[in-house]
Amino acid sequence: MNQEKSRHFIMRCKVDYNNEIKAFMKSKRKDVVIELTPTAYAIKSLHSKGFIILIQTKLKVRAVKVKLLTRGTEVLLMNLFNQKEFTINDLKYLYGLRWGIKTIYGL
């Protein structure tokens, strides 16, 4: 079953996840659009969930740096590209809402 539908997402990313994220962290930029290439593990995992992903598939994502009061800077990845509609502060707030749900369910 192909589940490819447009879905909005926002997620935290490790600051050393890959070379693109490492370069972003070293830069002075706070908000960029990058393309990620899926790993073999990601392709297999997504196929099991009904998504059609190939090694040539590029995933365009927006990456933003978010300063936290307690843990320095984190990177959020999302497909919410409109910077005027979704400011960095808005995204930090949205991710904060998600975090509360995540901790309740122990995810």
PDB file of N, CA and C in Angstrom:
ATOM      1  N   MET A   1       0.847  -1.181   0.000  1.00  0.00           N
ATOM      2  CA  MET A   1       0.000   0.000   0.000  1.00  0.00           C
ATOM      3  C   MET A   1       0.889   1.239   0.000  1.00  0.00           C
ATOM      4  N   ASN A   2       0.650   2.152  -0.899  1.00  0.00           N
ATOM      5  CA  ASN A   2       1.399   3.390  -0.981  1.00  0.00           C
ATOM      6  C   ASN A   2       0.719   4.440  -0.104  1.00  0.00           C
ATOM      7  N   GLN A   3       1.452   4.951   0.870  1.00  0.00           N
ATOM      8  CA  GLN A   3       0.883   5.918   1.802  1.00  0.00           C
ATOM      9  C   GLN A   3       1.363   7.338   1.509  1.00  0.00           C
ATOM     10  N   GLU A   4       1.860   7.583   0.325  1.00  0.00           N
ATOM     11  CA  GLU A   4       2.459   8.880   0.057  1.00  0.00           C
ATOM     12  C   GLU A   4       1.403   9.965  -0.080  1.00  0.00           C
ATOM     13  N   LYS A   5       1.228  10.682   1.004  1.00  0.00           N
ATOM     14  CA  LYS A   5       0.331  11.827   1.072  1.00  0.00           C
ATOM     15  C   LYS A   5       1.132  12.965   1.677  1.00  0.00           C
ATOM     16  N   SER A   6       0.721  14.151   1.390  1.00  0.00           N
ATOM     17  CA  SER A   6       1.399  15.301   1.966  1.00  0.00           C
ATOM     18  C   SER A   6       1.090  15.379   3.461  1.00  0.00           C
ATOM     19  N   ARG A   7       2.118  15.309   4.277  1.00  0.00           N
ATOM     20  CA  ARG A   7       1.974  15.420   5.725  1.00  0.00           C
ATOM     21  C   ARG A   7       3.028  16.393   6.242  1.00  0.00           C
ATOM     22  N   HIS A   8       2.600  17.270   7.112  1.00  0.00           N
ATOM     23  CA  HIS A   8       3.556  18.194   7.721  1.00  0.00           C
ATOM     24  C   HIS A   8       4.255  17.501   8.876  1.00  0.00           C
ATOM     25  N   PHE A   9       5.537  17.829   9.055  1.00  0.00           N
ATOM     26  CA  PHE A   9       6.269  17.254  10.182  1.00  0.00           C
ATOM     27  C   PHE A   9       7.268  18.267  10.717  1.00  0.00           C
ATOM     28  N   ILE A  10       7.620  18.050  11.972  1.00  0.00           N
ATOM     29  CA  ILE A  10       8.690  18.787  12.630  1.00  0.00           C
ATOM     30  C   ILE A  10       9.346  17.804  13.588  1.00  0.00           C
ATOM     31  N   MET A  11      10.673  17.758  13.540  1.00  0.00           N
ATOM     32  CA  MET A  11      11.395  16.795  14.379  1.00  0.00           C
ATOM     33  C   MET A  11      12.753  17.359  14.759  1.00  0.00           C
ATOM     34  N   ARG A  12      13.264  16.849  15.856  1.00  0.00           N
ATOM     35  CA  ARG A  12      14.594  17.235  16.307  1.00  0.00           C
ATOM     36  C   ARG A  12      15.618  16.384  15.573  1.00  0.00           C
ATOM     37  N   CYS A  13      16.774  16.944  15.334  1.00  0.00           N
ATOM     38  CA  CYS A  13      17.853  16.246  14.638  1.00  0.00           C
ATOM     39  C   CYS A  13      19.129  16.395  15.458  1.00  0.00           C
ATOM     40  N   LYS A  14      19.911  15.343  15.538  1.00  0.00           N
ATOM     41  CA  LYS A  14      21.203  15.442  16.229  1.00  0.00           C
ATOM     42  C   LYS A  14      22.088  16.438  15.490  1.00  0.00           C
ATOM     43  N   VAL A  15      22.824  17.237  16.237  1.00  0.00           N
ATOM     44  CA  VAL A  15      23.642  18.284  15.627  1.00  0.00           C
ATOM     45  C   VAL A  15      24.803  17.719  14.814  1.00  0.00           C
ATOM     46  N   ASP A  16      25.119  16.447  14.994  1.00  0.00           N
ATOM     47  CA  ASP A  16      26.184  15.810  14.208  1.00  0.00           C
ATOM     48  C   ASP A  16      25.631  14.703  13.304  1.00  0.00           C
ATOM     49  N   TYR A  17      24.357  14.817  12.912  1.00  0.00           N
ATOM     50  CA  TYR A  17      23.665  13.781  12.146  1.00  0.00           C
ATOM     51  C   TYR A  17      24.379  13.430  10.842  1.00  0.00           C
ATOM     52  N   ASN A  18      24.748  14.431  10.064  1.00  0.00           N
ATOM     53  CA  ASN A  18      25.463  14.182   8.809  1.00  0.00           C
ATOM     54  C   ASN A  18      26.274  15.436   8.456  1.00  0.00           C
ATOM     55  N   ASN A  19      26.949  15.394   7.314  1.00  0.00           N
ATOM     56  CA  ASN A  19      27.814  16.522   6.940  1.00  0.00           C
ATOM     57  C   ASN A  19      27.034  17.802   6.693  1.00  0.00           C
ATOM     58  N   GLU A  20      25.829  17.702   6.130  1.00  0.00           N
ATOM     59  CA  GLU A  20      25.030  18.893   5.877  1.00  0.00           C
ATOM     60  C   GLU A  20      24.642  19.581   7.189  1.00  0.00           C
ATOM     61  N   ILE A  21      24.244  18.789   8.166  1.00  0.00           N
ATOM     62  CA  ILE A  21      23.850  19.351   9.465  1.00  0.00           C
ATOM     63  C   ILE A  21      25.073  19.904  10.202  1.00  0.00           C
ATOM     64  N   LYS A  22      26.198  19.198  10.129  1.00  0.00           N
ATOM     65  CA  LYS A  22      27.425  19.695  10.763  1.00  0.00           C
ATOM     66  C   LYS A  22      27.831  21.042  10.165  1.00  0.00           C
ATOM     67  N   ALA A  23      27.759  21.171   8.835  1.00  0.00           N
ATOM     68  CA  ALA A  23      28.116  22.431   8.175  1.00  0.00           C
ATOM     69  C   ALA A  23      27.140  23.535   8.588  1.00  0.00           C
ATOM     70  N   PHE A  24      25.863  23.192   8.673  1.00  0.00           N
ATOM     71  CA  PHE A  24      24.854  24.158   9.121  1.00  0.00           C
ATOM     72  C   PHE A  24      25.167  24.637  10.537  1.00  0.00           C
ATOM     73  N   MET A  25      25.524  23.717  11.413  1.00  0.00           N
ATOM     74  CA  MET A  25      25.834  24.094  12.801  1.00  0.00           C
ATOM     75  C   MET A  25      27.054  25.005  12.877  1.00  0.00           C
ATOM     76  N   LYS A  26      28.029  24.818  11.990  1.00  0.00           N
ATOM     77  CA  LYS A  26      29.226  25.654  11.987  1.00  0.00           C
ATOM     78  C   LYS A  26      28.958  27.029  11.376  1.00  0.00           C
ATOM     79  N   SER A  27      27.918  27.127  10.562  1.00  0.00           N
ATOM     80  CA  SER A  27      27.612  28.386   9.889  1.00  0.00           C
ATOM     81  C   SER A  27      26.910  29.358  10.838  1.00  0.00           C
ATOM     82  N   LYS A  28      26.820  30.593  10.394  1.00  0.00           N
ATOM     83  CA  LYS A  28      26.098  31.597  11.173  1.00  0.00           C
ATOM     84  C   LYS A  28      24.616  31.609  10.835  1.00  0.00           C
ATOM     85  N   ARG A  29      24.227  30.843   9.841  1.00  0.00           N
ATOM     86  CA  ARG A  29      22.823  30.799   9.418  1.00  0.00           C
ATOM     87  C   ARG A  29      21.977  30.125  10.483  1.00  0.00           C
ATOM     88  N   LYS A  30      20.735  30.576  10.596  1.00  0.00           N
ATOM     89  CA  LYS A  30      19.813  30.008  11.585  1.00  0.00           C
ATOM     90  C   LYS A  30      18.675  29.248  10.926  1.00  0.00           C
ATOM     91  N   ASP A  31      18.552  29.376   9.601  1.00  0.00           N
ATOM     92  CA  ASP A  31      17.391  28.832   8.903  1.00  0.00           C
ATOM     93  C   ASP A  31      17.801  28.540   7.460  1.00  0.00           C
ATOM     94  N   VAL A  32      17.839  27.268   7.063  1.00  0.00           N
ATOM     95  CA  VAL A  32      18.251  26.884   5.713  1.00  0.00           C
ATOM     96  C   VAL A  32      17.348  25.783   5.177  1.00  0.00           C
ATOM     97  N   VAL A  33      17.359  25.630   3.864  1.00  0.00           N
ATOM     98  CA  VAL A  33      16.706  24.497   3.216  1.00  0.00           C
ATOM     99  C   VAL A  33      17.821  23.631   2.649  1.00  0.00           C
ATOM    100  N   ILE A  34      17.786  22.347   2.985  1.00  0.00           N
ATOM    101  CA  ILE A  34      18.804  21.408   2.525  1.00  0.00           C
ATOM    102  C   ILE A  34      18.131  20.176   1.938  1.00  0.00           C
ATOM    103  N   GLU A  35      18.915  19.367   1.229  1.00  0.00           N
ATOM    104  CA  GLU A  35      18.430  18.097   0.703  1.00  0.00           C
ATOM    105  C   GLU A  35      19.171  16.966   1.400  1.00  0.00           C
ATOM    106  N   LEU A  36      18.419  16.017   1.896  1.00  0.00           N
ATOM    107  CA  LEU A  36      18.992  14.847   2.560  1.00  0.00           C
ATOM    108  C   LEU A  36      18.842  13.623   1.663  1.00  0.00           C
ATOM    109  N   THR A  37      19.835  12.748   1.692  1.00  0.00           N
ATOM    110  CA  THR A  37      19.795  11.486   0.967  1.00  0.00           C
ATOM    111  C   THR A  37      19.506  10.381   1.970  1.00  0.00           C
ATOM    112  N   PRO A  38      18.551   9.504   1.680  1.00  0.00           N
ATOM    113  CA  PRO A  38      18.207   8.460   2.651  1.00  0.00           C
ATOM    114  C   PRO A  38      19.297   7.393   2.770  1.00  0.00           C
ATOM    115  N   THR A  39      19.475   6.886   3.969  1.00  0.00           N
ATOM    116  CA  THR A  39      20.380   5.764   4.191  1.00  0.00           C
ATOM    117  C   THR A  39      19.660   4.465   3.818  1.00  0.00           C
ATOM    118  N   ALA A  40      20.418   3.388   3.704  1.00  0.00           N
ATOM    119  CA  ALA A  40      19.815   2.081   3.395  1.00  0.00           C
ATOM    120  C   ALA A  40      18.817   1.697   4.480  1.00  0.00           C
ATOM    121  N   TYR A  41      19.146   1.974   5.727  1.00  0.00           N
ATOM    122  CA  TYR A  41      18.245   1.663   6.839  1.00  0.00           C
ATOM    123  C   TYR A  41      16.932   2.446   6.712  1.00  0.00           C
ATOM    124  N   ALA A  42      17.040   3.737   6.381  1.00  0.00           N
ATOM    125  CA  ALA A  42      15.845   4.571   6.239  1.00  0.00           C
ATOM    126  C   ALA A  42      14.966   4.071   5.097  1.00  0.00           C
ATOM    127  N   ILE A  43      15.583   3.697   3.988  1.00  0.00           N
ATOM    128  CA  ILE A  43      14.826   3.191   2.834  1.00  0.00           C
ATOM    129  C   ILE A  43      14.054   1.938   3.223  1.00  0.00           C
ATOM    130  N   LYS A  44      14.725   1.005   3.888  1.00  0.00           N
ATOM    131  CA  LYS A  44      14.085  -0.252   4.297  1.00  0.00           C
ATOM    132  C   LYS A  44      12.946   0.024   5.283  1.00  0.00           C
ATOM    133  N   SER A  45      13.184   0.869   6.240  1.00  0.00           N
ATOM    134  CA  SER A  45      12.175   1.201   7.243  1.00  0.00           C
ATOM    135  C   SER A  45      10.958   1.868   6.609  1.00  0.00           C
ATOM    136  N   LEU A  46      11.188   2.807   5.711  1.00  0.00           N
ATOM    137  CA  LEU A  46      10.084   3.501   5.060  1.00  0.00           C
ATOM    138  C   LEU A  46       9.308   2.580   4.123  1.00  0.00           C
ATOM    139  N   HIS A  47      10.018   1.684   3.436  1.00  0.00           N
ATOM    140  CA  HIS A  47       9.325   0.705   2.580  1.00  0.00           C
ATOM    141  C   HIS A  47       8.373  -0.148   3.402  1.00  0.00           C
ATOM    142  N   SER A  48       8.793  -0.541   4.600  1.00  0.00           N
ATOM    143  CA  SER A  48       7.937  -1.376   5.449  1.00  0.00           C
ATOM    144  C   SER A  48       6.676  -0.629   5.896  1.00  0.00           C
ATOM    145  N   LYS A  49       6.716   0.697   5.819  1.00  0.00           N
ATOM    146  CA  LYS A  49       5.559   1.513   6.199  1.00  0.00           C
ATOM    147  C   LYS A  49       4.749   1.967   4.981  1.00  0.00           C
ATOM    148  N   GLY A  50       5.129   1.469   3.797  1.00  0.00           N
ATOM    149  CA  GLY A  50       4.357   1.759   2.603  1.00  0.00           C
ATOM    150  C   GLY A  50       4.822   2.937   1.774  1.00  0.00           C
ATOM    151  N   PHE A  51       5.997   3.486   2.071  1.00  0.00           N
ATOM    152  CA  PHE A  51       6.504   4.622   1.314  1.00  0.00           C
ATOM    153  C   PHE A  51       7.451   4.147   0.219  1.00  0.00           C
ATOM    154  N   ILE A  52       7.401   4.813  -0.921  1.00  0.00           N
ATOM    155  CA  ILE A  52       8.286   4.484  -2.030  1.00  0.00           C
ATOM    156  C   ILE A  52       9.483   5.422  -1.959  1.00  0.00           C
ATOM    157  N   ILE A  53      10.601   4.884  -1.526  1.00  0.00           N
ATOM    158  CA  ILE A  53      11.826   5.660  -1.379  1.00  0.00           C
ATOM    159  C   ILE A  53      12.944   4.899  -2.083  1.00  0.00           C
ATOM    160  N   LEU A  54      13.725   5.608  -2.890  1.00  0.00           N
ATOM    161  CA  LEU A  54      14.865   5.029  -3.585  1.00  0.00           C
ATOM    162  C   LEU A  54      16.129   5.732  -3.118  1.00  0.00           C
ATOM    163  N   ILE A  55      17.284   5.144  -3.405  1.00  0.00           N
ATOM    164  CA  ILE A  55      18.553   5.762  -3.019  1.00  0.00           C
ATOM    165  C   ILE A  55      18.710   7.131  -3.702  1.00  0.00           C
ATOM    166  N   GLN A  56      18.062   7.309  -4.868  1.00  0.00           N
ATOM    167  CA  GLN A  56      18.143   8.579  -5.583  1.00  0.00           C
ATOM    168  C   GLN A  56      17.173   9.626  -5.023  1.00  0.00           C
ATOM    169  N   THR A  57      16.286   9.210  -4.146  1.00  0.00           N
ATOM    170  CA  THR A  57      15.306  10.124  -3.578  1.00  0.00           C
ATOM    171  C   THR A  57      16.009  11.163  -2.716  1.00  0.00           C
ATOM    172  N   LYS A  58      15.691  12.404  -2.929  1.00  0.00           N
ATOM    173  CA  LYS A  58      16.218  13.493  -2.103  1.00  0.00           C
ATOM    174  C   LYS A  58      15.053  14.067  -1.315  1.00  0.00           C
ATOM    175  N   LEU A  59      15.278  14.283  -0.049  1.00  0.00           N
ATOM    176  CA  LEU A  59      14.246  14.854   0.811  1.00  0.00           C
ATOM    177  C   LEU A  59      14.627  16.294   1.123  1.00  0.00           C
ATOM    178  N   LYS A  60      13.830  17.225   0.621  1.00  0.00           N
ATOM    179  CA  LYS A  60      14.068  18.644   0.884  1.00  0.00           C
ATOM    180  C   LYS A  60      13.444  18.976   2.231  1.00  0.00           C
ATOM    181  N   VAL A  61      14.251  19.519   3.129  1.00  0.00           N
ATOM    182  CA  VAL A  61      13.777  19.889   4.459  1.00  0.00           C
ATOM    183  C   VAL A  61      14.301  21.273   4.822  1.00  0.00           C
ATOM    184  N   ARG A  62      13.581  21.891   5.704  1.00  0.00           N
ATOM    185  CA  ARG A  62      14.023  23.162   6.294  1.00  0.00           C
ATOM    186  C   ARG A  62      14.666  22.823   7.625  1.00  0.00           C
ATOM    187  N   ALA A  63      15.853  23.352   7.855  1.00  0.00           N
ATOM    188  CA  ALA A  63      16.557  23.154   9.125  1.00  0.00           C
ATOM    189  C   ALA A  63      16.666  24.499   9.824  1.00  0.00           C
ATOM    190  N   VAL A  64      16.331  24.518  11.106  1.00  0.00           N
ATOM    191  CA  VAL A  64      16.459  25.747  11.892  1.00  0.00           C
ATOM    192  C   VAL A  64      17.210  25.441  13.186  1.00  0.00           C
ATOM    193  N   LYS A  65      17.974  26.420  13.619  1.00  0.00           N
ATOM    194  CA  LYS A  65      18.656  26.325  14.910  1.00  0.00           C
ATOM    195  C   LYS A  65      17.751  26.944  15.961  1.00  0.00           C
ATOM    196  N   VAL A  66      17.591  26.233  17.059  1.00  0.00           N
ATOM    197  CA  VAL A  66      16.755  26.701  18.159  1.00  0.00           C
ATOM    198  C   VAL A  66      17.600  26.725  19.419  1.00  0.00           C
ATOM    199  N   LYS A  67      17.690  27.899  20.037  1.00  0.00           N
ATOM    200  CA  LYS A  67      18.426  28.006  21.302  1.00  0.00           C
ATOM    201  C   LYS A  67      17.506  27.601  22.438  1.00  0.00           C
ATOM    202  N   LEU A  68      18.014  26.714  23.292  1.00  0.00           N
ATOM    203  CA  LEU A  68      17.261  26.257  24.447  1.00  0.00           C
ATOM    204  C   LEU A  68      17.851  26.858  25.712  1.00  0.00           C
ATOM    205  N   LEU A  69      17.017  27.029  26.709  1.00  0.00           N
ATOM    206  CA  LEU A  69      17.499  27.591  27.972  1.00  0.00           C
ATOM    207  C   LEU A  69      18.434  26.627  28.688  1.00  0.00           C
ATOM    208  N   THR A  70      18.181  25.324  28.549  1.00  0.00           N
ATOM    209  CA  THR A  70      18.924  24.356  29.354  1.00  0.00           C
ATOM    210  C   THR A  70      19.963  23.550  28.591  1.00  0.00           C
ATOM    211  N   ARG A  71      19.797  23.360  27.278  1.00  0.00           N
ATOM    212  CA  ARG A  71      20.682  22.429  26.572  1.00  0.00           C
ATOM    213  C   ARG A  71      21.372  23.020  25.349  1.00  0.00           C
ATOM    214  N   GLY A  72      21.653  24.282  25.314  1.00  0.00           N
ATOM    215  CA  GLY A  72      22.352  24.860  24.174  1.00  0.00           C
ATOM    216  C   GLY A  72      21.470  24.996  22.948  1.00  0.00           C
ATOM    217  N   THR A  73      21.988  24.583  21.804  1.00  0.00           N
ATOM    218  CA  THR A  73      21.285  24.733  20.534  1.00  0.00           C
ATOM    219  C   THR A  73      20.894  23.372  19.976  1.00  0.00           C
ATOM    220  N   GLU A  74      19.684  23.297  19.458  1.00  0.00           N
ATOM    221  CA  GLU A  74      19.215  22.094  18.778  1.00  0.00           C
ATOM    222  C   GLU A  74      18.855  22.440  17.348  1.00  0.00           C
ATOM    223  N   VAL A  75      18.793  21.414  16.508  1.00  0.00           N
ATOM    224  CA  VAL A  75      18.366  21.577  15.123  1.00  0.00           C
ATOM    225  C   VAL A  75      17.000  20.928  14.963  1.00  0.00           C
ATOM    226  N   LEU A  76      16.073  21.659  14.383  1.00  0.00           N
ATOM    227  CA  LEU A  76      14.759  21.110  14.044  1.00  0.00           C
ATOM    228  C   LEU A  76      14.675  20.993  12.532  1.00  0.00           C
ATOM    229  N   LEU A  77      14.152  19.859  12.064  1.00  0.00           N
ATOM    230  CA  LEU A  77      13.917  19.633  10.641  1.00  0.00           C
ATOM    231  C   LEU A  77      12.423  19.593  10.410  1.00  0.00           C
ATOM    232  N   MET A  78      11.988  20.128   9.271  1.00  0.00           N
ATOM    233  CA  MET A  78      10.560  20.142   8.984  1.00  0.00           C
ATOM    234  C   MET A  78      10.316  20.360   7.503  1.00  0.00           C
ATOM    235  N   ASN A  79       9.052  20.211   7.130  1.00  0.00           N
ATOM    236  CA  ASN A  79       8.654  20.560   5.773  1.00  0.00           C
ATOM    237  C   ASN A  79       7.710  21.761   5.790  1.00  0.00           C
ATOM    238  N   LEU A  80       7.869  22.608   6.758  1.00  0.00           N
ATOM    239  CA  LEU A  80       7.127  23.875   6.869  1.00  0.00           C
ATOM    240  C   LEU A  80       8.061  24.964   6.344  1.00  0.00           C
ATOM    241  N   PHE A  81       7.986  25.259   5.049  1.00  0.00           N
ATOM    242  CA  PHE A  81       8.987  26.089   4.389  1.00  0.00           C
ATOM    243  C   PHE A  81       8.720  27.589   4.452  1.00  0.00           C
ATOM    244  N   ASN A  82       7.501  28.003   4.712  1.00  0.00           N
ATOM    245  CA  ASN A  82       7.156  29.416   4.705  1.00  0.00           C
ATOM    246  C   ASN A  82       7.719  30.100   5.960  1.00  0.00           C
ATOM    247  N   GLN A  83       8.789  30.866   5.775  1.00  0.00           N
ATOM    248  CA  GLN A  83       9.462  31.492   6.911  1.00  0.00           C
ATOM    249  C   GLN A  83       8.640  32.604   7.557  1.00  0.00           C
ATOM    250  N   LYS A  84       7.757  33.226   6.799  1.00  0.00           N
ATOM    251  CA  LYS A  84       6.913  34.270   7.380  1.00  0.00           C
ATOM    252  C   LYS A  84       5.781  33.663   8.190  1.00  0.00           C
ATOM    253  N   GLU A  85       5.235  32.561   7.706  1.00  0.00           N
ATOM    254  CA  GLU A  85       4.144  31.896   8.416  1.00  0.00           C
ATOM    255  C   GLU A  85       4.653  31.099   9.613  1.00  0.00           C
ATOM    256  N   PHE A  86       5.843  30.517   9.475  1.00  0.00           N
ATOM    257  CA  PHE A  86       6.423  29.689  10.540  1.00  0.00           C
ATOM    258  C   PHE A  86       7.806  30.234  10.889  1.00  0.00           C
ATOM    259  N   THR A  87       7.840  31.177  11.837  1.00  0.00           N
ATOM    260  CA  THR A  87       9.114  31.747  12.277  1.00  0.00           C
ATOM    261  C   THR A  87       9.845  30.738  13.162  1.00  0.00           C
ATOM    262  N   ILE A  88      11.095  31.014  13.433  1.00  0.00           N
ATOM    263  CA  ILE A  88      11.868  30.125  14.310  1.00  0.00           C
ATOM    264  C   ILE A  88      11.202  30.032  15.682  1.00  0.00           C
ATOM    265  N   ASN A  89      10.713  31.143  16.201  1.00  0.00           N
ATOM    266  CA  ASN A  89      10.024  31.112  17.503  1.00  0.00           C
ATOM    267  C   ASN A  89       8.754  30.267  17.437  1.00  0.00           C
ATOM    268  N   ASP A  90       8.010  30.372  16.320  1.00  0.00           N
ATOM    269  CA  ASP A  90       6.817  29.541  16.144  1.00  0.00           C
ATOM    270  C   ASP A  90       7.190  28.058  16.158  1.00  0.00           C
ATOM    271  N   LEU A  91       8.266  27.723  15.456  1.00  0.00           N
ATOM    272  CA  LEU A  91       8.694  26.322  15.354  1.00  0.00           C
ATOM    273  C   LEU A  91       9.164  25.789  16.703  1.00  0.00           C
ATOM    274  N   LYS A  92       9.855  26.628  17.452  1.00  0.00           N
ATOM    275  CA  LYS A  92      10.285  26.235  18.795  1.00  0.00           C
ATOM    276  C   LYS A  92       9.062  25.947  19.665  1.00  0.00           C
ATOM    277  N   TYR A  93       8.052  26.788  19.557  1.00  0.00           N
ATOM    278  CA  TYR A  93       6.817  26.593  20.316  1.00  0.00           C
ATOM    279  C   TYR A  93       6.114  25.303  19.880  1.00  0.00           C
ATOM    280  N   LEU A  94       5.987  25.102  18.565  1.00  0.00           N
ATOM    281  CA  LEU A  94       5.335  23.884  18.051  1.00  0.00           C
ATOM    282  C   LEU A  94       6.056  22.627  18.519  1.00  0.00           C
ATOM    283  N   TYR A  95       7.384  22.643  18.433  1.00  0.00           N
ATOM    284  CA  TYR A  95       8.128  21.470  18.875  1.00  0.00           C
ATOM    285  C   TYR A  95       7.953  21.263  20.372  1.00  0.00           C
ATOM    286  N   GLY A  96       7.871  22.346  21.120  1.00  0.00           N
ATOM    287  CA  GLY A  96       7.620  22.242  22.559  1.00  0.00           C
ATOM    288  C   GLY A  96       6.304  21.546  22.853  1.00  0.00           C
ATOM    289  N   LEU A  97       5.276  21.822  22.062  1.00  0.00           N
ATOM    290  CA  LEU A  97       3.989  21.137  22.227  1.00  0.00           C
ATOM    291  C   LEU A  97       4.148  19.642  21.969  1.00  0.00           C
ATOM    292  N   ARG A  98       4.885  19.303  20.950  1.00  0.00           N
ATOM    293  CA  ARG A  98       5.128  17.897  20.613  1.00  0.00           C
ATOM    294  C   ARG A  98       5.903  17.202  21.734  1.00  0.00           C
ATOM    295  N   TRP A  99       6.860  17.913  22.308  1.00  0.00           N
ATOM    296  CA  TRP A  99       7.685  17.331  23.361  1.00  0.00           C
ATOM    297  C   TRP A  99       6.837  16.880  24.547  1.00  0.00           C
ATOM    298  N   GLY A 100       5.838  17.667  24.917  1.00  0.00           N
ATOM    299  CA  GLY A 100       4.960  17.289  26.022  1.00  0.00           C
ATOM    300  C   GLY A 100       4.237  15.984  25.752  1.00  0.00           C
ATOM    301  N   ILE A 101       3.770  15.798  24.530  1.00  0.00           N
ATOM    302  CA  ILE A 101       3.095  14.549  24.156  1.00  0.00           C
ATOM    303  C   ILE A 101       4.083  13.398  24.147  1.00  0.00           C
ATOM    304  N   LYS A 102       5.264  13.657  23.602  1.00  0.00           N
ATOM    305  CA  LYS A 102       6.299  12.625  23.517  1.00  0.00           C
ATOM    306  C   LYS A 102       6.671  12.087  24.904  1.00  0.00           C
ATOM    307  N   THR A 103       6.823  12.964  25.867  1.00  0.00           N
ATOM    308  CA  THR A 103       7.222  12.532  27.197  1.00  0.00           C
ATOM    309  C   THR A 103       6.096  11.803  27.932  1.00  0.00           C
ATOM    310  N   ILE A 104       4.846  12.170  27.654  1.00  0.00           N
ATOM    311  CA  ILE A 104       3.715  11.472  28.280  1.00  0.00           C
ATOM    312  C   ILE A 104       3.678  10.018  27.837  1.00  0.00           C
ATOM    313  N   TYR A 105       3.924   9.798  26.538  1.00  0.00           N
ATOM    314  CA  TYR A 105       3.859   8.439  25.997  1.00  0.00           C
ATOM    315  C   TYR A 105       5.194   7.707  26.059  1.00  0.00           C
ATOM    316  N   GLY A 106       6.238   8.390  26.501  1.00  0.00           N
ATOM    317  CA  GLY A 106       7.543   7.751  26.635  1.00  0.00           C
ATOM    318  C   GLY A 106       8.170   7.414  25.291  1.00  0.00           C
ATOM    319  N   LEU A 107       7.946   8.231  24.271  1.00  0.00           N
ATOM    320  CA  LEU A 107       8.481   7.960  22.941  1.00  0.00           C
ATOM    321  C   LEU A 107       9.892   8.471  22.802  1.00  0.00           C
TER     322      LEU A 107
END
